[in-house]
Amino acid sequence: MKEHYFTCPYCWENISMLIDNSVSKQTYIEDCEVCCNPIQVSVHFSNSELIDFQVDSIEQ
């Protein structure tokens, strides 16, 4: 597991998330720890190193 900091696309707060580096490509939804809105998270690892990290708001 790796901790990664990013800005929430809703409330613009800097938050952290633990991401599993044992799976090379992942896309999932997790709620912001500050505003509780759902965030779509897409990550890509290569040899356990983070290559790409993207977060997007979800239309409600």
N, C-alpha and C. Protein backbone atom coordinates (compact mmCIF):
# COMPACT_ATOMS: atom_id res chain seq x y z
N MET A 1 0.84 -1.18 0.00
CA MET A 1 0.00 0.00 0.00
C MET A 1 0.89 1.24 0.00
N LYS A 2 0.42 2.22 -0.75
CA LYS A 2 1.14 3.50 -0.80
C LYS A 2 0.15 4.63 -0.50
N GLU A 3 0.63 5.63 0.21
CA GLU A 3 -0.19 6.80 0.48
C GLU A 3 0.07 7.83 -0.62
N HIS A 4 -1.03 8.40 -1.12
CA HIS A 4 -0.91 9.39 -2.18
C HIS A 4 -1.78 10.59 -1.82
N TYR A 5 -1.24 11.80 -1.97
CA TYR A 5 -1.98 13.03 -1.69
C TYR A 5 -2.47 13.64 -2.99
N PHE A 6 -3.68 14.20 -2.95
CA PHE A 6 -4.26 14.83 -4.13
C PHE A 6 -5.33 15.83 -3.68
N THR A 7 -5.85 16.59 -4.63
CA THR A 7 -6.88 17.58 -4.36
C THR A 7 -8.24 17.04 -4.78
N CYS A 8 -9.20 17.12 -3.88
CA CYS A 8 -10.55 16.66 -4.17
C CYS A 8 -11.15 17.52 -5.29
N PRO A 9 -11.77 16.89 -6.31
CA PRO A 9 -12.36 17.67 -7.41
C PRO A 9 -13.65 18.41 -7.03
N TYR A 10 -14.15 18.18 -5.81
CA TYR A 10 -15.37 18.87 -5.35
C TYR A 10 -15.04 20.02 -4.39
N CYS A 11 -14.36 19.70 -3.30
CA CYS A 11 -14.15 20.70 -2.24
C CYS A 11 -12.76 21.33 -2.29
N TRP A 12 -11.89 20.84 -3.15
CA TRP A 12 -10.54 21.37 -3.36
C TRP A 12 -9.62 21.22 -2.15
N GLU A 13 -10.00 20.36 -1.21
CA GLU A 13 -9.13 20.09 -0.06
C GLU A 13 -8.04 19.09 -0.46
N ASN A 14 -6.88 19.22 0.15
CA ASN A 14 -5.81 18.28 -0.07
C ASN A 14 -6.06 17.08 0.86
N ILE A 15 -6.23 15.90 0.27
CA ILE A 15 -6.52 14.71 1.05
C ILE A 15 -5.55 13.60 0.65
N SER A 16 -5.51 12.55 1.45
CA SER A 16 -4.65 11.41 1.14
C SER A 16 -5.49 10.16 1.00
N MET A 17 -4.92 9.21 0.27
CA MET A 17 -5.61 7.95 0.05
C MET A 17 -4.55 6.85 0.02
N LEU A 18 -4.88 5.72 0.61
CA LEU A 18 -4.00 4.56 0.51
C LEU A 18 -4.40 3.79 -0.74
N ILE A 19 -3.42 3.51 -1.59
CA ILE A 19 -3.70 2.78 -2.82
C ILE A 19 -2.85 1.52 -2.86
N ASP A 20 -3.45 0.47 -3.37
CA ASP A 20 -2.83 -0.85 -3.42
C ASP A 20 -1.92 -0.95 -4.63
N ASN A 21 -0.63 -1.05 -4.41
CA ASN A 21 0.32 -1.11 -5.52
C ASN A 21 0.57 -2.54 -6.01
N SER A 22 -0.17 -3.51 -5.50
CA SER A 22 -0.01 -4.89 -5.96
C SER A 22 -0.84 -5.18 -7.21
N VAL A 23 -1.76 -4.27 -7.57
CA VAL A 23 -2.57 -4.41 -8.78
C VAL A 23 -2.15 -3.30 -9.74
N SER A 24 -1.73 -3.66 -10.94
CA SER A 24 -1.11 -2.67 -11.83
C SER A 24 -2.07 -1.59 -12.34
N LYS A 25 -3.30 -1.96 -12.70
CA LYS A 25 -4.27 -0.95 -13.16
C LYS A 25 -5.56 -1.11 -12.38
N GLN A 26 -6.07 0.02 -11.89
CA GLN A 26 -7.28 0.00 -11.07
C GLN A 26 -8.13 1.21 -11.38
N THR A 27 -9.44 1.02 -11.32
CA THR A 27 -10.39 2.12 -11.37
C THR A 27 -11.48 1.79 -10.37
N TYR A 28 -11.74 2.73 -9.48
CA TYR A 28 -12.76 2.49 -8.45
C TYR A 28 -13.30 3.83 -7.96
N ILE A 29 -14.32 3.75 -7.11
CA ILE A 29 -14.95 4.95 -6.56
C ILE A 29 -14.75 4.95 -5.06
N GLU A 30 -14.32 6.10 -4.57
CA GLU A 30 -14.13 6.27 -3.13
C GLU A 30 -14.63 7.66 -2.74
N ASP A 31 -15.23 7.76 -1.56
CA ASP A 31 -15.74 9.05 -1.10
C ASP A 31 -14.63 9.92 -0.54
N CYS A 32 -14.75 11.22 -0.78
CA CYS A 32 -13.81 12.18 -0.19
C CYS A 32 -13.97 12.15 1.32
N GLU A 33 -12.86 12.15 2.03
CA GLU A 33 -12.91 12.12 3.49
C GLU A 33 -13.34 13.44 4.11
N VAL A 34 -13.37 14.51 3.31
CA VAL A 34 -13.78 15.82 3.82
C VAL A 34 -15.24 16.11 3.48
N CYS A 35 -15.59 16.05 2.19
CA CYS A 35 -16.94 16.44 1.77
C CYS A 35 -17.87 15.27 1.47
N CYS A 36 -17.33 14.05 1.47
CA CYS A 36 -18.09 12.80 1.28
C CYS A 36 -18.66 12.60 -0.13
N ASN A 37 -18.24 13.40 -1.09
CA ASN A 37 -18.69 13.18 -2.46
C ASN A 37 -17.90 12.04 -3.10
N PRO A 38 -18.52 11.31 -4.04
CA PRO A 38 -17.84 10.19 -4.68
C PRO A 38 -16.81 10.64 -5.71
N ILE A 39 -15.64 10.05 -5.65
CA ILE A 39 -14.54 10.38 -6.55
C ILE A 39 -14.17 9.12 -7.32
N GLN A 40 -14.08 9.24 -8.63
CA GLN A 40 -13.58 8.11 -9.42
C GLN A 40 -12.06 8.19 -9.46
N VAL A 41 -11.42 7.12 -9.03
CA VAL A 41 -9.97 7.05 -8.93
C VAL A 41 -9.46 6.06 -9.97
N SER A 42 -8.47 6.48 -10.74
CA SER A 42 -7.81 5.60 -11.71
C SER A 42 -6.31 5.65 -11.46
N VAL A 43 -5.73 4.48 -11.25
CA VAL A 43 -4.30 4.41 -10.96
C VAL A 43 -3.63 3.38 -11.85
N HIS A 44 -2.35 3.60 -12.10
CA HIS A 44 -1.55 2.66 -12.88
C HIS A 44 -0.18 2.56 -12.23
N PHE A 45 0.21 1.33 -11.93
CA PHE A 45 1.52 1.05 -11.34
C PHE A 45 2.35 0.23 -12.31
N SER A 46 3.64 0.42 -12.25
CA SER A 46 4.58 -0.42 -12.98
C SER A 46 5.70 -0.77 -12.01
N ASN A 47 5.90 -2.05 -11.79
CA ASN A 47 6.90 -2.50 -10.80
C ASN A 47 6.70 -1.85 -9.44
N SER A 48 5.46 -1.76 -9.03
CA SER A 48 5.05 -1.18 -7.74
C SER A 48 5.27 0.32 -7.63
N GLU A 49 5.65 0.97 -8.72
CA GLU A 49 5.82 2.43 -8.72
C GLU A 49 4.62 3.07 -9.41
N LEU A 50 4.12 4.13 -8.82
CA LEU A 50 2.97 4.83 -9.37
C LEU A 50 3.36 5.55 -10.66
N ILE A 51 2.67 5.22 -11.75
CA ILE A 51 2.93 5.81 -13.06
C ILE A 51 1.91 6.89 -13.37
N ASP A 52 0.64 6.62 -13.03
CA ASP A 52 -0.44 7.55 -13.35
C ASP A 52 -1.47 7.52 -12.26
N PHE A 53 -1.96 8.69 -11.86
CA PHE A 53 -3.01 8.81 -10.85
C PHE A 53 -3.96 9.90 -11.30
N GLN A 54 -5.25 9.55 -11.46
CA GLN A 54 -6.25 10.52 -11.87
C GLN A 54 -7.48 10.41 -11.00
N VAL A 55 -8.06 11.56 -10.68
CA VAL A 55 -9.32 11.59 -9.96
C VAL A 55 -10.30 12.46 -10.73
N ASP A 56 -11.55 12.05 -10.74
CA ASP A 56 -12.59 12.79 -11.44
C ASP A 56 -13.85 12.83 -10.58
N SER A 57 -14.60 13.91 -10.72
CA SER A 57 -15.89 14.00 -10.08
C SER A 57 -16.86 13.09 -10.84
N ILE A 58 -17.92 12.69 -10.16
CA ILE A 58 -18.93 11.83 -10.76
C ILE A 58 -20.22 12.63 -10.85
N GLU A 59 -20.79 12.66 -12.04
CA GLU A 59 -22.05 13.38 -12.25
C GLU A 59 -23.15 12.73 -11.43
N GLN A 60 -23.90 13.54 -10.70
CA GLN A 60 -24.97 13.01 -9.87
C GLN A 60 -26.30 13.51 -10.36
